[in-house]
Amino acid sequence: MKNKEFERWVQAAGIRAVKTVAQAAVAGIGTAAMGQVDWVYVVSASILAA
């Protein structure tokens, strides 16, 4: 029983992490909309957000 609950928690945490990374990436790309996108910044900020 406990193992099943832990698996559900891990899956939910993984989904939240992916959504957070995606939101940070969109924000980083959006701030550079007028110029060239700094992909190193976008990737590092997205990883740090998770």
C-alpha atoms as a PDB file:
ATOM      1  CA  MET A   1       0.000   0.000   0.000  1.00  0.00           C
ATOM      2  CA  LYS A   2       2.707   2.489   0.962  1.00  0.00           C
ATOM      3  CA  ASN A   3       4.715   1.692  -2.164  1.00  0.00           C
ATOM      4  CA  LYS A   4       1.739   2.515  -4.395  1.00  0.00           C
ATOM      5  CA  GLU A   5       1.249   5.861  -2.660  1.00  0.00           C
ATOM      6  CA  PHE A   6       4.951   6.663  -3.041  1.00  0.00           C
ATOM      7  CA  GLU A   7       4.825   5.850  -6.759  1.00  0.00           C
ATOM      8  CA  ARG A   8       1.845   8.201  -7.208  1.00  0.00           C
ATOM      9  CA  TRP A   9       3.679  10.936  -5.296  1.00  0.00           C
ATOM     10  CA  VAL A  10       6.819  10.522  -7.430  1.00  0.00           C
ATOM     11  CA  GLN A  11       4.754  10.669 -10.616  1.00  0.00           C
ATOM     12  CA  ALA A  12       2.932  13.817  -9.457  1.00  0.00           C
ATOM     13  CA  ALA A  13       6.222  15.449  -8.414  1.00  0.00           C
ATOM     14  CA  GLY A  14       7.716  14.640 -11.805  1.00  0.00           C
ATOM     15  CA  ILE A  15       4.779  16.209 -13.611  1.00  0.00           C
ATOM     16  CA  ARG A  16       5.053  19.355 -11.462  1.00  0.00           C
ATOM     17  CA  ALA A  17       8.794  19.560 -12.180  1.00  0.00           C
ATOM     18  CA  VAL A  18       8.253  19.277 -15.941  1.00  0.00           C
ATOM     19  CA  LYS A  19       5.573  21.986 -15.843  1.00  0.00           C
ATOM     20  CA  THR A  20       7.842  24.269 -13.818  1.00  0.00           C
ATOM     21  CA  VAL A  21      10.715  23.794 -16.268  1.00  0.00           C
ATOM     22  CA  ALA A  22       8.396  24.540 -19.186  1.00  0.00           C
ATOM     23  CA  GLN A  23       7.076  27.712 -17.535  1.00  0.00           C
ATOM     24  CA  ALA A  24      10.582  28.958 -16.809  1.00  0.00           C
ATOM     25  CA  ALA A  25      11.652  28.234 -20.400  1.00  0.00           C
ATOM     26  CA  VAL A  26       8.686  30.147 -21.802  1.00  0.00           C
ATOM     27  CA  ALA A  27       9.439  33.070 -19.496  1.00  0.00           C
ATOM     28  CA  GLY A  28      13.093  33.098 -20.515  1.00  0.00           C
ATOM     29  CA  ILE A  29      12.235  32.971 -24.197  1.00  0.00           C
ATOM     30  CA  GLY A  30       9.548  35.612 -23.749  1.00  0.00           C
ATOM     31  CA  THR A  31      11.913  38.098 -22.156  1.00  0.00           C
ATOM     32  CA  ALA A  32      14.205  37.814 -25.166  1.00  0.00           C
ATOM     33  CA  ALA A  33      11.405  38.210 -27.702  1.00  0.00           C
ATOM     34  CA  MET A  34      12.787  41.483 -29.025  1.00  0.00           C
ATOM     35  CA  GLY A  35      16.320  40.168 -29.481  1.00  0.00           C
ATOM     36  CA  GLN A  36      18.244  36.963 -29.810  1.00  0.00           C
ATOM     37  CA  VAL A  37      17.392  34.214 -27.312  1.00  0.00           C
ATOM     38  CA  ASP A  38      20.233  33.322 -24.950  1.00  0.00           C
ATOM     39  CA  TRP A  39      19.703  29.567 -24.841  1.00  0.00           C
ATOM     40  CA  VAL A  40      22.279  28.997 -22.115  1.00  0.00           C
ATOM     41  CA  TYR A  41      20.335  31.365 -19.879  1.00  0.00           C
ATOM     42  CA  VAL A  42      17.008  29.733 -20.752  1.00  0.00           C
ATOM     43  CA  VAL A  43      18.277  26.211 -20.026  1.00  0.00           C
ATOM     44  CA  SER A  44      20.065  27.143 -16.792  1.00  0.00           C
ATOM     45  CA  ALA A  45      17.111  29.151 -15.473  1.00  0.00           C
ATOM     46  CA  SER A  46      14.717  26.315 -16.338  1.00  0.00           C
ATOM     47  CA  ILE A  47      16.829  23.723 -14.580  1.00  0.00           C
ATOM     48  CA  LEU A  48      17.244  25.914 -11.515  1.00  0.00           C
ATOM     49  CA  ALA A  49      13.477  26.491 -11.382  1.00  0.00           C
ATOM     50  CA  ALA A  50      12.853  22.798 -10.943  1.00  0.00           C
END
